[in-house]
Amino acid sequence: MALQPDDLLDARGLPCPLPLLKAKQALARLAPGQLLEVMATDAGSWRDFETFTAQSSHELLEREERGDTYHYWIRKGGEGNS
């Protein structure tokens, strides 16, 4: 993966909805345009991150499954990002 994240969140082993909640907290610490990589093992996170980014100003640049770990690359949006 060529994407170089500004921050990495390891949410492996956390049950739903904790990976998404932790990702929201991590995004709040980033500047608009910065990139967050999230690693999670919760299968529901696949749908959660897709829905979250569709309803926010953040952009889900890429996501992939490697073994039992899901990887997400989320670019922080500008104003109005919840």
Protein backbone atom coordinates (compact mmCIF):
# COMPACT_ATOMS: atom_id res chain seq x y z
CA MET A 1 0.00 0.00 0.00
CA ALA A 2 1.50 3.31 -1.09
CA LEU A 3 -0.57 5.43 1.30
CA GLN A 4 1.52 6.96 4.08
CA PRO A 5 -0.66 7.64 7.14
CA ASP A 6 -0.10 10.57 9.48
CA ASP A 7 -1.44 8.46 12.37
CA LEU A 8 -2.06 4.77 12.98
CA LEU A 9 -4.88 3.42 15.15
CA ASP A 10 -4.62 -0.19 16.28
CA ALA A 11 -8.19 -1.19 17.18
CA ARG A 12 -7.62 -4.92 16.82
CA GLY A 13 -9.50 -6.99 19.37
CA LEU A 14 -12.01 -4.22 20.14
CA PRO A 15 -15.71 -5.09 19.68
CA CYS A 16 -18.18 -2.93 17.78
CA PRO A 17 -18.62 0.06 18.05
CA LEU A 18 -15.21 0.75 19.66
CA PRO A 19 -13.10 0.74 16.45
CA LEU A 20 -15.30 3.47 14.98
CA LEU A 21 -15.42 5.49 18.21
CA LYS A 22 -11.63 5.33 18.57
CA ALA A 23 -11.24 6.33 14.92
CA LYS A 24 -13.47 9.37 15.46
CA GLN A 25 -11.29 10.40 18.42
CA ALA A 26 -8.11 9.92 16.37
CA LEU A 27 -9.52 11.93 13.45
CA ALA A 28 -10.38 14.77 15.83
CA ARG A 29 -6.68 15.10 16.65
CA LEU A 30 -5.64 15.35 12.99
CA ALA A 31 -5.62 18.40 10.75
CA PRO A 32 -7.89 18.45 7.68
CA GLY A 33 -6.29 16.52 4.85
CA GLN A 34 -4.23 14.25 7.09
CA LEU A 35 -4.51 10.49 6.75
CA LEU A 36 -5.47 7.96 9.44
CA GLU A 37 -4.85 4.25 9.06
CA VAL A 38 -7.06 2.01 11.19
CA MET A 39 -6.50 -1.68 11.86
CA ALA A 40 -9.49 -3.61 13.23
CA THR A 41 -10.58 -7.22 13.64
CA ASP A 42 -14.31 -6.54 14.10
CA ALA A 43 -16.11 -7.69 10.93
CA GLY A 44 -18.80 -5.04 11.46
CA SER A 45 -16.17 -2.35 11.02
CA TRP A 46 -16.24 -2.95 7.24
CA ARG A 47 -19.78 -1.59 7.08
CA ASP A 48 -19.33 0.91 9.93
CA PHE A 49 -16.45 2.78 8.31
CA GLU A 50 -18.17 2.85 4.92
CA THR A 51 -21.34 4.33 6.46
CA PHE A 52 -19.43 6.77 8.68
CA THR A 53 -17.37 8.24 5.85
CA ALA A 54 -20.41 8.44 3.54
CA GLN A 55 -22.20 10.56 6.17
CA SER A 56 -19.24 12.80 7.07
CA SER A 57 -16.75 15.01 5.29
CA HIS A 58 -14.06 12.33 5.72
CA GLU A 59 -13.01 10.18 2.78
CA LEU A 60 -12.41 6.44 2.87
CA LEU A 61 -9.50 6.25 0.43
CA GLU A 62 -8.88 2.54 0.64
CA ARG A 63 -9.80 -0.52 2.67
CA GLU A 64 -8.59 -4.08 2.53
CA GLU A 65 -8.70 -7.32 4.43
CA ARG A 66 -5.41 -9.00 5.33
CA GLY A 67 -6.07 -12.29 7.06
CA ASP A 68 -8.27 -11.53 10.07
CA THR A 69 -7.39 -7.82 10.11
CA TYR A 70 -9.22 -5.06 8.26
CA HIS A 71 -7.22 -1.98 7.22
CA TYR A 72 -8.82 1.39 6.49
CA TRP A 73 -7.24 4.61 5.23
CA ILE A 74 -9.36 7.65 6.05
CA ARG A 75 -8.53 11.21 4.96
CA LYS A 76 -9.82 13.80 7.40
CA GLY A 77 -12.28 16.18 5.81
CA GLY A 78 -12.63 19.87 6.32
CA GLU A 79 -15.31 21.76 8.22
CA GLY A 80 -18.44 20.01 9.41
CA ASN A 81 -16.73 16.68 10.00
CA SER A 82 -18.47 14.88 12.81
